């Protein structure tokens, strides 16, 4: 599963749902994808755009975790 598979929501809603399903707070998730918590908060509030580069960071994080644990994080954290 990738970021784009989450559903027919806007990208900000997808991001928030993804983070919550992973059971990570903003600080934890931001650290995992390599951005600051304040920047993630700005994205989630719609103050700055969710760029293609940030989506790539999210997908890389999901891929890395899937390779490490052999499971799809989104399917197992419902």
N, C-alpha and C. Protein backbone atom coordinates (compact mmCIF):
# COMPACT_ATOMS: atom_id res chain seq x y z
N UNK A 1 0.84 -1.18 0.00
CA UNK A 1 0.00 0.00 0.00
C UNK A 1 0.88 1.24 0.00
N UNK A 2 0.44 2.25 -0.71
CA UNK A 2 1.16 3.51 -0.76
C UNK A 2 0.25 4.63 -0.29
N UNK A 3 0.81 5.81 -0.16
CA UNK A 3 0.06 6.98 0.28
C UNK A 3 -1.17 7.20 -0.58
N UNK A 4 -1.05 7.00 -1.88
CA UNK A 4 -2.17 7.26 -2.80
C UNK A 4 -3.29 6.24 -2.71
N UNK A 5 -3.05 5.10 -2.03
CA UNK A 5 -4.05 4.05 -1.92
C UNK A 5 -5.04 4.26 -0.77
N UNK A 6 -4.85 5.29 0.03
CA UNK A 6 -5.66 5.45 1.23
C UNK A 6 -7.13 5.70 0.92
N UNK A 7 -7.45 6.42 -0.11
CA UNK A 7 -8.85 6.61 -0.44
C UNK A 7 -9.12 7.90 -1.17
N UNK A 8 -10.39 8.16 -1.41
CA UNK A 8 -10.77 9.33 -2.21
C UNK A 8 -10.85 10.63 -1.40
N UNK A 9 -9.95 10.80 -0.46
CA UNK A 9 -9.92 12.00 0.36
C UNK A 9 -8.92 12.99 -0.21
N UNK A 10 -8.92 14.21 0.31
CA UNK A 10 -7.86 15.12 -0.13
C UNK A 10 -6.56 14.70 0.56
N UNK A 11 -5.46 15.21 0.07
CA UNK A 11 -4.16 14.75 0.55
C UNK A 11 -3.93 15.04 2.03
N UNK A 12 -4.44 16.15 2.52
CA UNK A 12 -4.24 16.47 3.94
C UNK A 12 -5.00 15.47 4.81
N UNK A 13 -6.23 15.15 4.43
CA UNK A 13 -7.00 14.16 5.19
C UNK A 13 -6.30 12.80 5.16
N UNK A 14 -5.77 12.43 4.00
CA UNK A 14 -5.03 11.17 3.89
C UNK A 14 -3.85 11.15 4.85
N UNK A 15 -3.12 12.25 4.88
CA UNK A 15 -1.94 12.35 5.73
C UNK A 15 -2.31 12.18 7.20
N UNK A 16 -3.34 12.85 7.64
CA UNK A 16 -3.76 12.77 9.04
C UNK A 16 -4.24 11.36 9.38
N UNK A 17 -5.05 10.77 8.50
CA UNK A 17 -5.53 9.41 8.73
C UNK A 17 -4.36 8.43 8.78
N UNK A 18 -3.44 8.57 7.85
CA UNK A 18 -2.27 7.70 7.83
C UNK A 18 -1.50 7.79 9.14
N UNK A 19 -1.20 9.00 9.58
CA UNK A 19 -0.42 9.18 10.80
C UNK A 19 -1.14 8.58 12.00
N UNK A 20 -2.44 8.78 12.08
CA UNK A 20 -3.20 8.24 13.21
C UNK A 20 -3.29 6.72 13.15
N UNK A 21 -3.43 6.15 11.96
CA UNK A 21 -3.47 4.69 11.84
C UNK A 21 -2.14 4.06 12.21
N UNK A 22 -1.07 4.80 11.99
CA UNK A 22 0.26 4.32 12.39
C UNK A 22 0.51 4.55 13.88
N UNK A 23 -0.44 5.21 14.54
CA UNK A 23 -0.35 5.49 15.98
C UNK A 23 0.88 6.32 16.32
N UNK A 24 1.14 7.32 15.49
CA UNK A 24 2.26 8.23 15.71
C UNK A 24 1.74 9.64 15.92
N UNK A 25 2.36 10.37 16.84
CA UNK A 25 2.01 11.78 16.97
C UNK A 25 2.77 12.56 15.90
N UNK A 26 2.50 13.86 15.82
CA UNK A 26 3.15 14.66 14.78
C UNK A 26 4.66 14.62 14.90
N UNK A 27 5.17 14.74 16.11
CA UNK A 27 6.62 14.74 16.30
C UNK A 27 7.24 13.43 15.83
N UNK A 28 6.64 12.30 16.23
CA UNK A 28 7.17 10.99 15.85
C UNK A 28 7.14 10.78 14.34
N UNK A 29 6.01 11.11 13.72
CA UNK A 29 5.88 10.89 12.29
C UNK A 29 6.82 11.80 11.51
N UNK A 30 6.90 13.05 11.93
CA UNK A 30 7.79 14.00 11.26
C UNK A 30 9.23 13.50 11.32
N UNK A 31 9.64 13.00 12.47
CA UNK A 31 11.00 12.48 12.63
C UNK A 31 11.23 11.30 11.69
N UNK A 32 10.25 10.42 11.58
CA UNK A 32 10.38 9.24 10.72
C UNK A 32 10.53 9.61 9.25
N UNK A 33 9.86 10.67 8.82
CA UNK A 33 9.93 11.02 7.40
C UNK A 33 10.95 12.12 7.11
N UNK A 34 11.60 12.61 8.16
CA UNK A 34 12.70 13.55 7.95
C UNK A 34 12.32 15.01 7.78
N UNK A 35 11.24 15.42 8.44
CA UNK A 35 10.87 16.83 8.43
C UNK A 35 10.63 17.26 9.87
N UNK A 36 10.46 18.56 10.08
CA UNK A 36 10.21 19.03 11.45
C UNK A 36 8.73 18.86 11.80
N UNK A 37 8.47 18.72 13.09
CA UNK A 37 7.10 18.58 13.56
C UNK A 37 6.29 19.84 13.25
N UNK A 38 6.93 21.00 13.33
CA UNK A 38 6.20 22.24 13.03
C UNK A 38 5.80 22.29 11.55
N UNK A 39 6.68 21.80 10.67
CA UNK A 39 6.35 21.77 9.24
C UNK A 39 5.21 20.78 8.99
N UNK A 40 5.24 19.63 9.64
CA UNK A 40 4.15 18.66 9.49
C UNK A 40 2.84 19.27 9.97
N UNK A 41 2.89 19.98 11.09
CA UNK A 41 1.69 20.64 11.59
C UNK A 41 1.15 21.66 10.61
N UNK A 42 2.04 22.41 9.98
CA UNK A 42 1.61 23.39 8.97
C UNK A 42 0.95 22.69 7.78
N UNK A 43 1.50 21.55 7.38
CA UNK A 43 0.90 20.78 6.28
C UNK A 43 -0.49 20.33 6.68
N UNK A 44 -0.61 19.74 7.88
CA UNK A 44 -1.89 19.21 8.33
C UNK A 44 -2.95 20.31 8.49
N UNK A 45 -2.54 21.52 8.79
CA UNK A 45 -3.48 22.63 8.93
C UNK A 45 -3.75 23.33 7.59
N UNK A 46 -3.10 22.87 6.53
CA UNK A 46 -3.30 23.46 5.21
C UNK A 46 -2.59 24.78 5.00
N UNK A 47 -1.62 25.08 5.85
CA UNK A 47 -0.89 26.35 5.74
C UNK A 47 0.21 26.30 4.69
N UNK A 48 0.73 25.12 4.44
CA UNK A 48 1.72 24.91 3.37
C UNK A 48 1.29 23.67 2.59
N UNK A 49 1.65 23.58 1.33
CA UNK A 49 1.21 22.43 0.53
C UNK A 49 1.93 21.14 0.89
N UNK A 50 1.23 20.04 0.67
CA UNK A 50 1.84 18.72 0.79
C UNK A 50 2.49 18.43 -0.56
N UNK A 51 3.79 18.56 -0.62
CA UNK A 51 4.50 18.47 -1.89
C UNK A 51 4.74 17.03 -2.32
N UNK A 52 5.10 16.89 -3.57
CA UNK A 52 5.46 15.58 -4.11
C UNK A 52 6.64 15.00 -3.33
N UNK A 53 7.57 15.83 -2.94
CA UNK A 53 8.75 15.37 -2.20
C UNK A 53 8.36 14.80 -0.84
N UNK A 54 7.41 15.42 -0.17
CA UNK A 54 6.96 14.91 1.13
C UNK A 54 6.21 13.59 0.94
N UNK A 55 5.39 13.49 -0.09
CA UNK A 55 4.71 12.23 -0.38
C UNK A 55 5.72 11.12 -0.64
N UNK A 56 6.80 11.44 -1.34
CA UNK A 56 7.86 10.46 -1.59
C UNK A 56 8.51 10.03 -0.28
N UNK A 57 8.74 10.97 0.63
CA UNK A 57 9.31 10.63 1.93
C UNK A 57 8.38 9.68 2.70
N UNK A 58 7.08 9.94 2.62
CA UNK A 58 6.10 9.08 3.29
C UNK A 58 6.13 7.69 2.69
N UNK A 59 6.10 7.61 1.35
CA UNK A 59 6.14 6.31 0.69
C UNK A 59 7.43 5.56 0.99
N UNK A 60 8.55 6.27 1.05
CA UNK A 60 9.82 5.63 1.39
C UNK A 60 9.79 5.08 2.81
N UNK A 61 9.19 5.82 3.73
CA UNK A 61 9.05 5.35 5.11
C UNK A 61 8.20 4.08 5.15
N UNK A 62 7.05 4.10 4.46
CA UNK A 62 6.17 2.93 4.46
C UNK A 62 6.87 1.72 3.84
N UNK A 63 7.61 1.94 2.76
CA UNK A 63 8.32 0.85 2.10
C UNK A 63 9.41 0.28 3.02
N UNK A 64 10.16 1.16 3.68
CA UNK A 64 11.22 0.72 4.58
C UNK A 64 10.65 -0.11 5.73
N UNK A 65 9.57 0.36 6.32
CA UNK A 65 8.95 -0.37 7.43
C UNK A 65 8.40 -1.71 6.96
N UNK A 66 7.83 -1.74 5.77
CA UNK A 66 7.32 -2.99 5.22
C UNK A 66 8.44 -3.99 5.01
N UNK A 67 9.58 -3.51 4.51
CA UNK A 67 10.73 -4.40 4.30
C UNK A 67 11.30 -4.90 5.62
N UNK A 68 11.35 -4.04 6.62
CA UNK A 68 11.89 -4.43 7.93
C UNK A 68 11.02 -5.45 8.63
N UNK A 69 9.71 -5.23 8.59
CA UNK A 69 8.79 -6.07 9.37
C UNK A 69 8.00 -7.06 8.53
N UNK A 70 8.08 -6.93 7.22
CA UNK A 70 7.41 -7.88 6.34
C UNK A 70 5.90 -7.80 6.37
N UNK A 71 5.37 -6.68 6.85
CA UNK A 71 3.93 -6.50 6.88
C UNK A 71 3.58 -5.11 6.39
N UNK A 72 2.35 -4.98 5.95
CA UNK A 72 1.86 -3.67 5.53
C UNK A 72 1.36 -2.95 6.77
N UNK A 73 2.03 -1.88 7.15
CA UNK A 73 1.69 -1.16 8.38
C UNK A 73 0.25 -0.69 8.39
N UNK A 74 -0.26 -0.27 7.26
CA UNK A 74 -1.61 0.26 7.23
C UNK A 74 -2.65 -0.83 7.40
N UNK A 75 -2.40 -1.98 6.88
CA UNK A 75 -3.36 -3.07 7.00
C UNK A 75 -3.35 -3.69 8.40
N UNK A 76 -2.25 -3.57 9.12
CA UNK A 76 -2.14 -4.19 10.43
C UNK A 76 -2.35 -3.23 11.59
N UNK A 77 -2.61 -1.97 11.33
CA UNK A 77 -2.80 -0.99 12.40
C UNK A 77 -4.20 -0.41 12.38
N UNK A 78 -5.16 -1.17 11.99
CA UNK A 78 -6.54 -0.67 11.94
C UNK A 78 -7.12 -0.61 13.32
